[in-house]
Amino acid sequence: MAMRENVVLFLALWIITAALVSPSVEIFLTIALIGILITLEIGEFYLPRDVKSSLKLSAYLLLLTFAFIVARKVYEVIK
């Protein structure tokens, strides 16, 4: 199995495991973000450019979602 396939398999298993163990959507999205960032860091040399760009777009969207979740939690604490 090629390293590229191993990296994609890792991400798929990470997302499936996160979906099974996460008690809420917020925690799932945070764990998915961590998995995508790990995949981007490890697979930087093995993934083609188009796959890396789509993973980066996913990471940016999840970072935006993470910032929204954190802001909402901070607002709940302040309120």
N, C-alpha and C. Protein backbone atom coordinates (compact mmCIF):
# COMPACT_ATOMS: atom_id res chain seq x y z
N MET A 1 0.85 -1.17 0.00
CA MET A 1 0.00 0.00 0.00
C MET A 1 0.90 1.24 0.00
N ALA A 2 0.58 2.18 -0.84
CA ALA A 2 1.38 3.40 -0.96
C ALA A 2 1.16 4.31 0.25
N MET A 3 2.13 5.15 0.50
CA MET A 3 2.04 6.07 1.64
C MET A 3 0.83 6.99 1.50
N ARG A 4 0.53 7.39 0.27
CA ARG A 4 -0.64 8.25 0.02
C ARG A 4 -1.92 7.57 0.50
N GLU A 5 -2.05 6.30 0.20
CA GLU A 5 -3.23 5.55 0.62
C GLU A 5 -3.27 5.40 2.14
N ASN A 6 -2.12 5.24 2.77
CA ASN A 6 -2.07 5.14 4.22
C ASN A 6 -2.52 6.44 4.89
N VAL A 7 -2.13 7.57 4.33
CA VAL A 7 -2.51 8.86 4.89
C VAL A 7 -4.02 9.06 4.79
N VAL A 8 -4.59 8.72 3.64
CA VAL A 8 -6.04 8.86 3.46
C VAL A 8 -6.78 7.87 4.35
N LEU A 9 -6.26 6.66 4.50
CA LEU A 9 -6.87 5.67 5.39
C LEU A 9 -6.84 6.15 6.84
N PHE A 10 -5.73 6.77 7.25
CA PHE A 10 -5.63 7.32 8.60
C PHE A 10 -6.73 8.35 8.84
N LEU A 11 -6.90 9.27 7.89
CA LEU A 11 -7.92 10.31 8.05
C LEU A 11 -9.32 9.70 8.11
N ALA A 12 -9.59 8.73 7.27
CA ALA A 12 -10.90 8.08 7.28
C ALA A 12 -11.17 7.39 8.61
N LEU A 13 -10.19 6.66 9.12
CA LEU A 13 -10.36 5.99 10.41
C LEU A 13 -10.50 7.00 11.54
N TRP A 14 -9.76 8.09 11.46
CA TRP A 14 -9.84 9.14 12.48
C TRP A 14 -11.26 9.73 12.53
N ILE A 15 -11.82 10.04 11.37
CA ILE A 15 -13.16 10.64 11.31
C ILE A 15 -14.22 9.65 11.80
N ILE A 16 -14.09 8.39 11.40
CA ILE A 16 -15.07 7.38 11.84
C ILE A 16 -14.99 7.18 13.36
N THR A 17 -13.79 7.09 13.88
CA THR A 17 -13.63 6.94 15.33
C THR A 17 -14.16 8.16 16.08
N ALA A 18 -13.89 9.34 15.55
CA ALA A 18 -14.39 10.57 16.18
C ALA A 18 -15.91 10.59 16.18
N ALA A 19 -16.51 10.13 15.10
CA ALA A 19 -17.97 10.11 15.03
C ALA A 19 -18.56 9.13 16.04
N LEU A 20 -17.87 8.04 16.28
CA LEU A 20 -18.38 7.03 17.20
C LEU A 20 -18.23 7.42 18.67
N VAL A 21 -17.18 8.14 19.01
CA VAL A 21 -16.93 8.43 20.42
C VAL A 21 -17.33 9.83 20.86
N SER A 22 -17.70 10.69 19.95
CA SER A 22 -18.02 12.08 20.30
C SER A 22 -19.44 12.19 20.82
N PRO A 23 -19.59 12.78 22.01
CA PRO A 23 -20.94 12.94 22.56
C PRO A 23 -21.71 14.12 21.97
N SER A 24 -21.01 15.04 21.30
CA SER A 24 -21.70 16.18 20.71
C SER A 24 -21.05 16.55 19.38
N VAL A 25 -21.76 17.34 18.62
CA VAL A 25 -21.27 17.77 17.32
C VAL A 25 -20.06 18.68 17.48
N GLU A 26 -20.07 19.50 18.50
CA GLU A 26 -18.94 20.42 18.72
C GLU A 26 -17.65 19.67 18.96
N ILE A 27 -17.71 18.62 19.76
CA ILE A 27 -16.51 17.83 20.04
C ILE A 27 -16.09 17.07 18.78
N PHE A 28 -17.06 16.55 18.03
CA PHE A 28 -16.72 15.87 16.78
C PHE A 28 -16.01 16.80 15.81
N LEU A 29 -16.50 18.01 15.65
CA LEU A 29 -15.87 18.95 14.73
C LEU A 29 -14.46 19.31 15.19
N THR A 30 -14.25 19.44 16.48
CA THR A 30 -12.92 19.74 17.00
C THR A 30 -11.96 18.58 16.75
N ILE A 31 -12.42 17.37 17.00
CA ILE A 31 -11.57 16.20 16.76
C ILE A 31 -11.30 16.02 15.27
N ALA A 32 -12.29 16.29 14.43
CA ALA A 32 -12.09 16.21 12.98
C ALA A 32 -11.06 17.24 12.52
N LEU A 33 -11.11 18.44 13.10
CA LEU A 33 -10.12 19.47 12.77
C LEU A 33 -8.72 19.00 13.14
N ILE A 34 -8.57 18.41 14.30
CA ILE A 34 -7.26 17.90 14.73
C ILE A 34 -6.78 16.82 13.76
N GLY A 35 -7.66 15.93 13.35
CA GLY A 35 -7.29 14.88 12.40
C GLY A 35 -6.86 15.43 11.05
N ILE A 36 -7.57 16.43 10.56
CA ILE A 36 -7.21 17.03 9.27
C ILE A 36 -5.86 17.74 9.38
N LEU A 37 -5.63 18.43 10.49
CA LEU A 37 -4.34 19.11 10.66
C LEU A 37 -3.19 18.11 10.76
N ILE A 38 -3.41 17.00 11.44
CA ILE A 38 -2.39 15.95 11.52
C ILE A 38 -2.12 15.38 10.13
N THR A 39 -3.19 15.12 9.39
CA THR A 39 -3.05 14.56 8.04
C THR A 39 -2.30 15.52 7.13
N LEU A 40 -2.60 16.79 7.23
CA LEU A 40 -1.88 17.77 6.41
C LEU A 40 -0.40 17.81 6.78
N GLU A 41 -0.10 17.72 8.04
CA GLU A 41 1.30 17.79 8.48
C GLU A 41 2.07 16.54 8.08
N ILE A 42 1.47 15.38 8.27
CA ILE A 42 2.16 14.13 7.94
C ILE A 42 2.20 13.90 6.44
N GLY A 43 1.11 14.17 5.76
CA GLY A 43 1.02 13.86 4.34
C GLY A 43 1.46 14.96 3.41
N GLU A 44 2.17 15.92 3.92
CA GLU A 44 2.58 17.07 3.10
C GLU A 44 3.36 16.65 1.86
N PHE A 45 4.22 15.66 1.99
CA PHE A 45 5.06 15.24 0.88
C PHE A 45 4.44 14.12 0.06
N TYR A 46 3.40 13.48 0.57
CA TYR A 46 2.85 12.31 -0.08
C TYR A 46 1.55 12.57 -0.82
N LEU A 47 0.83 13.61 -0.44
CA LEU A 47 -0.47 13.88 -1.05
C LEU A 47 -0.32 14.79 -2.27
N PRO A 48 -1.14 14.55 -3.30
CA PRO A 48 -1.09 15.46 -4.45
C PRO A 48 -1.61 16.85 -4.08
N ARG A 49 -1.28 17.80 -4.91
CA ARG A 49 -1.62 19.19 -4.64
C ARG A 49 -3.12 19.42 -4.51
N ASP A 50 -3.92 18.77 -5.35
CA ASP A 50 -5.38 18.99 -5.29
C ASP A 50 -5.98 18.46 -3.99
N VAL A 51 -5.46 17.33 -3.50
CA VAL A 51 -5.95 16.77 -2.24
C VAL A 51 -5.56 17.68 -1.08
N LYS A 52 -4.31 18.18 -1.11
CA LYS A 52 -3.87 19.09 -0.05
C LYS A 52 -4.69 20.37 -0.04
N SER A 53 -5.02 20.89 -1.23
CA SER A 53 -5.81 22.14 -1.25
C SER A 53 -7.22 21.91 -0.73
N SER A 54 -7.80 20.76 -1.02
CA SER A 54 -9.15 20.49 -0.49
C SER A 54 -9.10 20.26 1.02
N LEU A 55 -8.04 19.60 1.51
CA LEU A 55 -7.90 19.43 2.96
C LEU A 55 -7.67 20.77 3.65
N LYS A 56 -6.91 21.65 3.01
CA LYS A 56 -6.69 22.97 3.60
C LYS A 56 -7.99 23.76 3.67
N LEU A 57 -8.80 23.66 2.62
CA LEU A 57 -10.10 24.34 2.64
C LEU A 57 -10.97 23.79 3.77
N SER A 58 -10.97 22.47 3.93
CA SER A 58 -11.73 21.86 5.04
C SER A 58 -11.20 22.33 6.38
N ALA A 59 -9.89 22.42 6.51
CA ALA A 59 -9.30 22.88 7.76
C ALA A 59 -9.69 24.32 8.05
N TYR A 60 -9.68 25.18 7.03
CA TYR A 60 -10.08 26.57 7.23
C TYR A 60 -11.53 26.68 7.67
N LEU A 61 -12.39 25.90 7.04
CA LEU A 61 -13.81 25.93 7.42
C LEU A 61 -14.01 25.41 8.85
N LEU A 62 -13.29 24.37 9.21
CA LEU A 62 -13.40 23.85 10.57
C LEU A 62 -12.78 24.80 11.59
N LEU A 63 -11.73 25.51 11.21
CA LEU A 63 -11.16 26.52 12.10
C LEU A 63 -12.16 27.65 12.35
N LEU A 64 -12.86 28.05 11.31
CA LEU A 64 -13.89 29.07 11.45
C LEU A 64 -15.01 28.57 12.37
N THR A 65 -15.42 27.33 12.18
CA THR A 65 -16.44 26.74 13.04
C THR A 65 -15.95 26.63 14.48
N PHE A 66 -14.67 26.25 14.65
CA PHE A 66 -14.09 26.16 15.99
C PHE A 66 -14.08 27.52 16.67
N ALA A 67 -13.73 28.56 15.94
CA ALA A 67 -13.72 29.91 16.51
C ALA A 67 -15.13 30.31 16.93
N PHE A 68 -16.14 29.95 16.14
CA PHE A 68 -17.52 30.25 16.49
C PHE A 68 -17.93 29.50 17.76
N ILE A 69 -17.54 28.23 17.87
CA ILE A 69 -17.87 27.44 19.05
C ILE A 69 -17.22 28.04 20.30
N VAL A 70 -15.96 28.41 20.19
CA VAL A 70 -15.25 29.01 21.33
C VAL A 70 -15.89 30.34 21.72
N ALA A 71 -16.24 31.16 20.73
CA ALA A 71 -16.87 32.45 21.03
C ALA A 71 -18.21 32.24 21.72
N ARG A 72 -18.96 31.25 21.28
CA ARG A 72 -20.26 30.98 21.90
C ARG A 72 -20.09 30.50 23.34
N LYS A 73 -19.10 29.65 23.58
CA LYS A 73 -18.85 29.17 24.95
C LYS A 73 -18.37 30.30 25.86
N VAL A 74 -17.53 31.18 25.34
CA VAL A 74 -17.07 32.32 26.12
C VAL A 74 -18.25 33.23 26.46
N TYR A 75 -19.13 33.44 25.51
CA TYR A 75 -20.31 34.25 25.74
C TYR A 75 -21.21 33.63 26.82
N GLU A 76 -21.34 32.30 26.80
CA GLU A 76 -22.14 31.62 27.83
C GLU A 76 -21.52 31.80 29.21
N VAL A 77 -20.21 31.77 29.31
CA VAL A 77 -19.54 31.92 30.59
C VAL A 77 -19.70 33.36 31.09
N ILE A 78 -19.53 34.31 30.18
CA ILE A 78 -19.64 35.72 30.56
C ILE A 78 -21.07 36.06 30.96
N LYS A 79 -22.02 35.50 30.26
CA LYS A 79 -23.42 35.80 30.53
C LYS A 79 -23.80 35.21 31.86
